[in-house]
Amino acid sequence: MLWRGDVLVVRWVDRLGRNYQDVIDTSGDFMRRAALATKSFASSC
C-alpha cells in the first residue's frame, strides 16, 4: 500500500502492468491518489 509522501521507484514502465491498458490504468490510479511521477536520467547500468 502506498501512502501520501511515499516514493515508488519503477525501473521499467512495463512493470506497472501486463499490457498497455494496465499501465495506463495503474498510472491513472496513482495520479488519482496524488502520487508524483518523475523521469530519471540516471544510468541504467
N, C-alpha and C. Protein backbone atom coordinates (compact mmCIF):
# COMPACT_ATOMS: atom_id res chain seq x y z
N MET A 1 0.85 -1.17 0.00
CA MET A 1 0.00 0.00 0.00
C MET A 1 0.90 1.23 0.00
N LEU A 2 0.62 2.16 -0.89
CA LEU A 2 1.33 3.43 -0.92
C LEU A 2 0.53 4.49 -0.18
N TRP A 3 1.24 5.33 0.53
CA TRP A 3 0.62 6.42 1.27
C TRP A 3 1.15 7.74 0.76
N ARG A 4 0.42 8.80 0.98
CA ARG A 4 0.86 10.13 0.58
C ARG A 4 2.26 10.38 1.12
N GLY A 5 3.15 10.81 0.23
CA GLY A 5 4.52 11.07 0.62
C GLY A 5 5.47 9.90 0.37
N ASP A 6 4.93 8.70 0.11
CA ASP A 6 5.77 7.55 -0.22
C ASP A 6 6.36 7.73 -1.61
N VAL A 7 7.41 7.01 -1.87
CA VAL A 7 8.06 7.04 -3.17
C VAL A 7 8.08 5.62 -3.73
N LEU A 8 7.57 5.45 -4.93
CA LEU A 8 7.61 4.17 -5.64
C LEU A 8 8.58 4.33 -6.79
N VAL A 9 9.59 3.48 -6.81
CA VAL A 9 10.57 3.52 -7.89
C VAL A 9 10.30 2.35 -8.82
N VAL A 10 10.07 2.67 -10.08
CA VAL A 10 9.83 1.65 -11.10
C VAL A 10 10.89 1.82 -12.17
N ARG A 11 11.74 0.85 -12.29
CA ARG A 11 12.85 0.96 -13.25
C ARG A 11 12.36 0.90 -14.68
N TRP A 12 11.39 0.07 -14.96
CA TRP A 12 10.84 -0.07 -16.31
C TRP A 12 9.33 0.11 -16.23
N VAL A 13 8.80 0.95 -17.08
CA VAL A 13 7.36 1.27 -17.07
C VAL A 13 6.52 0.02 -17.31
N ASP A 14 7.01 -0.92 -18.08
CA ASP A 14 6.22 -2.12 -18.36
C ASP A 14 5.99 -2.97 -17.11
N ARG A 15 6.67 -2.69 -16.02
CA ARG A 15 6.45 -3.40 -14.75
C ARG A 15 5.17 -2.96 -14.08
N LEU A 16 4.54 -1.90 -14.57
CA LEU A 16 3.30 -1.40 -13.96
C LEU A 16 2.06 -2.16 -14.44
N GLY A 17 2.22 -3.02 -15.45
CA GLY A 17 1.06 -3.76 -15.94
C GLY A 17 1.44 -4.80 -16.96
N ARG A 18 0.48 -5.67 -17.27
CA ARG A 18 0.72 -6.75 -18.24
C ARG A 18 0.60 -6.28 -19.67
N ASN A 19 -0.12 -5.17 -19.86
CA ASN A 19 -0.28 -4.64 -21.22
C ASN A 19 -0.45 -3.12 -21.13
N TYR A 20 -0.58 -2.49 -22.28
CA TYR A 20 -0.65 -1.03 -22.33
C TYR A 20 -1.80 -0.49 -21.47
N GLN A 21 -2.97 -1.10 -21.55
CA GLN A 21 -4.12 -0.62 -20.79
C GLN A 21 -3.89 -0.75 -19.28
N ASP A 22 -3.26 -1.83 -18.85
CA ASP A 22 -2.92 -1.98 -17.43
C ASP A 22 -2.01 -0.85 -16.96
N VAL A 23 -1.01 -0.50 -17.77
CA VAL A 23 -0.07 0.57 -17.41
C VAL A 23 -0.81 1.89 -17.31
N ILE A 24 -1.70 2.18 -18.27
CA ILE A 24 -2.48 3.42 -18.25
C ILE A 24 -3.38 3.45 -17.01
N ASP A 25 -4.06 2.34 -16.72
CA ASP A 25 -4.95 2.27 -15.56
C ASP A 25 -4.18 2.45 -14.25
N THR A 26 -3.04 1.78 -14.13
CA THR A 26 -2.23 1.89 -12.91
C THR A 26 -1.72 3.31 -12.74
N SER A 27 -1.24 3.91 -13.83
CA SER A 27 -0.74 5.29 -13.76
C SER A 27 -1.87 6.23 -13.36
N GLY A 28 -3.05 6.05 -13.92
CA GLY A 28 -4.19 6.88 -13.57
C GLY A 28 -4.57 6.73 -12.11
N ASP A 29 -4.50 5.50 -11.60
CA ASP A 29 -4.80 5.27 -10.19
C ASP A 29 -3.81 6.00 -9.30
N PHE A 30 -2.53 5.94 -9.64
CA PHE A 30 -1.52 6.68 -8.87
C PHE A 30 -1.80 8.18 -8.90
N MET A 31 -2.16 8.71 -10.05
CA MET A 31 -2.42 10.14 -10.17
C MET A 31 -3.65 10.54 -9.35
N ARG A 32 -4.68 9.70 -9.34
CA ARG A 32 -5.86 9.99 -8.52
C ARG A 32 -5.51 10.00 -7.04
N ARG A 33 -4.51 9.23 -6.66
CA ARG A 33 -4.09 9.17 -5.26
C ARG A 33 -3.02 10.22 -4.95
N ALA A 34 -2.82 11.15 -5.87
CA ALA A 34 -1.87 12.26 -5.69
C ALA A 34 -0.42 11.80 -5.65
N ALA A 35 -0.12 10.72 -6.37
CA ALA A 35 1.28 10.28 -6.47
C ALA A 35 1.97 11.10 -7.55
N LEU A 36 3.25 11.29 -7.41
CA LEU A 36 4.02 12.04 -8.39
C LEU A 36 4.83 11.09 -9.25
N ALA A 37 4.92 11.41 -10.53
CA ALA A 37 5.75 10.64 -11.44
C ALA A 37 6.90 11.52 -11.92
N THR A 38 8.07 10.97 -11.92
CA THR A 38 9.23 11.71 -12.40
C THR A 38 10.02 10.81 -13.34
N LYS A 39 10.79 11.43 -14.17
CA LYS A 39 11.63 10.69 -15.09
C LYS A 39 13.06 10.80 -14.62
N SER A 40 13.73 9.69 -14.52
CA SER A 40 15.12 9.67 -14.08
C SER A 40 16.03 9.53 -15.30
N PHE A 41 17.07 10.30 -15.31
CA PHE A 41 18.05 10.22 -16.38
C PHE A 41 19.30 9.48 -15.91
N ALA A 42 19.19 8.78 -14.81
CA ALA A 42 20.33 8.03 -14.27
C ALA A 42 20.69 6.89 -15.20
N SER A 43 21.92 6.51 -15.16
CA SER A 43 22.40 5.40 -15.98
C SER A 43 21.68 4.12 -15.60
N SER A 44 21.37 3.30 -16.60
CA SER A 44 20.69 2.04 -16.34
C SER A 44 21.67 0.89 -16.22
N CYS A 45 22.95 1.17 -16.08
CA CYS A 45 23.98 0.12 -15.95
C CYS A 45 23.93 -0.54 -14.61
